[in-house]
Amino acid sequence: MSETVVDARGHHCPIPTLRLRKALEAAGPGARVRLLADDPMARIDVPHFVQEKGYLLLEKAEVSGWLVFVVARPE
């Protein structure tokens, strides 16, 4: 299973969510994308986007002041 890392730190929403969407669309079924973000709005925007599009939010964490989301594209 492949995992792509999208580093959107330093960008304000909606850029992190747009980059996540682009990576998920480019990934094959079953792929995972790890998003790194530091905009507090990502806490709201990313889970909403994931739910709306039918992706799977596998992990949501805060590490050293930035947010980490791991999202899977269903097979």
C-alpha atoms as a PDB file:
ATOM      1  CA  MET A   1       0.000   0.000   0.000  1.00  0.00           C
ATOM      2  CA  SER A   2       1.496   3.316  -1.007  1.00  0.00           C
ATOM      3  CA  GLU A   3       1.433   6.489   1.050  1.00  0.00           C
ATOM      4  CA  THR A   4       1.925   9.980  -0.305  1.00  0.00           C
ATOM      5  CA  VAL A   5       2.968  12.833   1.979  1.00  0.00           C
ATOM      6  CA  VAL A   6       1.501  16.268   1.298  1.00  0.00           C
ATOM      7  CA  ASP A   7       3.229  19.034   3.257  1.00  0.00           C
ATOM      8  CA  ALA A   8       0.854  22.010   3.349  1.00  0.00           C
ATOM      9  CA  ARG A   9       2.401  23.679   6.387  1.00  0.00           C
ATOM     10  CA  GLY A  10       2.596  27.432   5.966  1.00  0.00           C
ATOM     11  CA  HIS A  11      -0.543  27.556   3.819  1.00  0.00           C
ATOM     12  CA  HIS A  12      -3.982  28.708   4.901  1.00  0.00           C
ATOM     13  CA  CYS A  13      -7.213  26.890   4.141  1.00  0.00           C
ATOM     14  CA  PRO A  14      -8.447  25.924   1.678  1.00  0.00           C
ATOM     15  CA  ILE A  15      -4.965  25.146   0.258  1.00  0.00           C
ATOM     16  CA  PRO A  16      -4.276  22.105   2.532  1.00  0.00           C
ATOM     17  CA  THR A  17      -7.630  20.567   1.621  1.00  0.00           C
ATOM     18  CA  LEU A  18      -7.154  21.304  -2.085  1.00  0.00           C
ATOM     19  CA  ARG A  19      -3.726  19.658  -2.055  1.00  0.00           C
ATOM     20  CA  LEU A  20      -5.157  16.664  -0.203  1.00  0.00           C
ATOM     21  CA  ARG A  21      -7.924  16.346  -2.805  1.00  0.00           C
ATOM     22  CA  LYS A  22      -5.438  16.507  -5.680  1.00  0.00           C
ATOM     23  CA  ALA A  23      -3.231  13.815  -4.116  1.00  0.00           C
ATOM     24  CA  LEU A  24      -6.200  11.522  -3.424  1.00  0.00           C
ATOM     25  CA  GLU A  25      -7.538  11.928  -6.950  1.00  0.00           C
ATOM     26  CA  ALA A  26      -4.107  11.065  -8.377  1.00  0.00           C
ATOM     27  CA  ALA A  27      -3.696   8.059  -6.074  1.00  0.00           C
ATOM     28  CA  GLY A  28      -5.042   4.665  -6.898  1.00  0.00           C
ATOM     29  CA  PRO A  29      -7.755   2.883  -4.926  1.00  0.00           C
ATOM     30  CA  GLY A  30      -6.523   1.846  -1.490  1.00  0.00           C
ATOM     31  CA  ALA A  31      -3.780   4.484  -1.414  1.00  0.00           C
ATOM     32  CA  ARG A  32      -3.108   6.628   1.637  1.00  0.00           C
ATOM     33  CA  VAL A  33      -2.239  10.302   1.849  1.00  0.00           C
ATOM     34  CA  ARG A  34      -0.584  11.863   4.906  1.00  0.00           C
ATOM     35  CA  LEU A  35      -1.354  15.579   5.126  1.00  0.00           C
ATOM     36  CA  LEU A  36       0.763  17.923   7.250  1.00  0.00           C
ATOM     37  CA  ALA A  37      -0.877  21.262   8.013  1.00  0.00           C
ATOM     38  CA  ASP A  38      -0.526  24.081  10.512  1.00  0.00           C
ATOM     39  CA  ASP A  39      -3.648  26.121   9.789  1.00  0.00           C
ATOM     40  CA  PRO A  40      -6.124  25.576  12.668  1.00  0.00           C
ATOM     41  CA  MET A  41      -9.025  25.600  10.191  1.00  0.00           C
ATOM     42  CA  ALA A  42      -7.742  22.294   8.808  1.00  0.00           C
ATOM     43  CA  ARG A  43      -9.149  20.650  11.972  1.00  0.00           C
ATOM     44  CA  ILE A  44     -12.603  21.434  10.585  1.00  0.00           C
ATOM     45  CA  ASP A  45     -12.058  21.519   6.814  1.00  0.00           C
ATOM     46  CA  VAL A  46     -10.199  18.231   6.351  1.00  0.00           C
ATOM     47  CA  PRO A  47     -12.619  15.918   8.244  1.00  0.00           C
ATOM     48  CA  HIS A  48     -15.565  17.621   6.528  1.00  0.00           C
ATOM     49  CA  PHE A  49     -13.978  17.125   3.091  1.00  0.00           C
ATOM     50  CA  VAL A  50     -13.121  13.475   3.856  1.00  0.00           C
ATOM     51  CA  GLN A  51     -16.665  12.691   4.961  1.00  0.00           C
ATOM     52  CA  GLU A  52     -18.232  14.556   2.044  1.00  0.00           C
ATOM     53  CA  LYS A  53     -16.149  12.682  -0.539  1.00  0.00           C
ATOM     54  CA  GLY A  54     -16.447   9.229   1.056  1.00  0.00           C
ATOM     55  CA  TYR A  55     -12.767   8.845   1.917  1.00  0.00           C
ATOM     56  CA  LEU A  56     -11.563   7.287   5.178  1.00  0.00           C
ATOM     57  CA  LEU A  57      -9.920   9.358   7.925  1.00  0.00           C
ATOM     58  CA  LEU A  58      -7.507   6.863   9.462  1.00  0.00           C
ATOM     59  CA  GLU A  59      -5.548   9.185  11.715  1.00  0.00           C
ATOM     60  CA  LYS A  60      -5.851  12.712  13.092  1.00  0.00           C
ATOM     61  CA  ALA A  61      -3.123  13.971  15.416  1.00  0.00           C
ATOM     62  CA  GLU A  62      -1.249  17.044  16.520  1.00  0.00           C
ATOM     63  CA  VAL A  63       2.547  16.817  16.567  1.00  0.00           C
ATOM     64  CA  SER A  64       4.851  19.666  17.569  1.00  0.00           C
ATOM     65  CA  GLY A  65       2.178  22.280  16.880  1.00  0.00           C
ATOM     66  CA  TRP A  66       1.120  21.009  13.472  1.00  0.00           C
ATOM     67  CA  LEU A  67      -1.675  18.721  12.359  1.00  0.00           C
ATOM     68  CA  VAL A  68      -1.315  15.305  10.775  1.00  0.00           C
ATOM     69  CA  PHE A  69      -4.132  13.582   8.895  1.00  0.00           C
ATOM     70  CA  VAL A  70      -3.900  10.174   7.250  1.00  0.00           C
ATOM     71  CA  VAL A  71      -6.638   9.680   4.683  1.00  0.00           C
ATOM     72  CA  ALA A  72      -7.316   6.554   2.624  1.00  0.00           C
ATOM     73  CA  ARG A  73      -9.033   6.227  -0.688  1.00  0.00           C
ATOM     74  CA  PRO A  74     -11.393   3.222  -0.559  1.00  0.00           C
ATOM     75  CA  GLU A  75     -10.568   0.240  -2.729  1.00  0.00           C
END
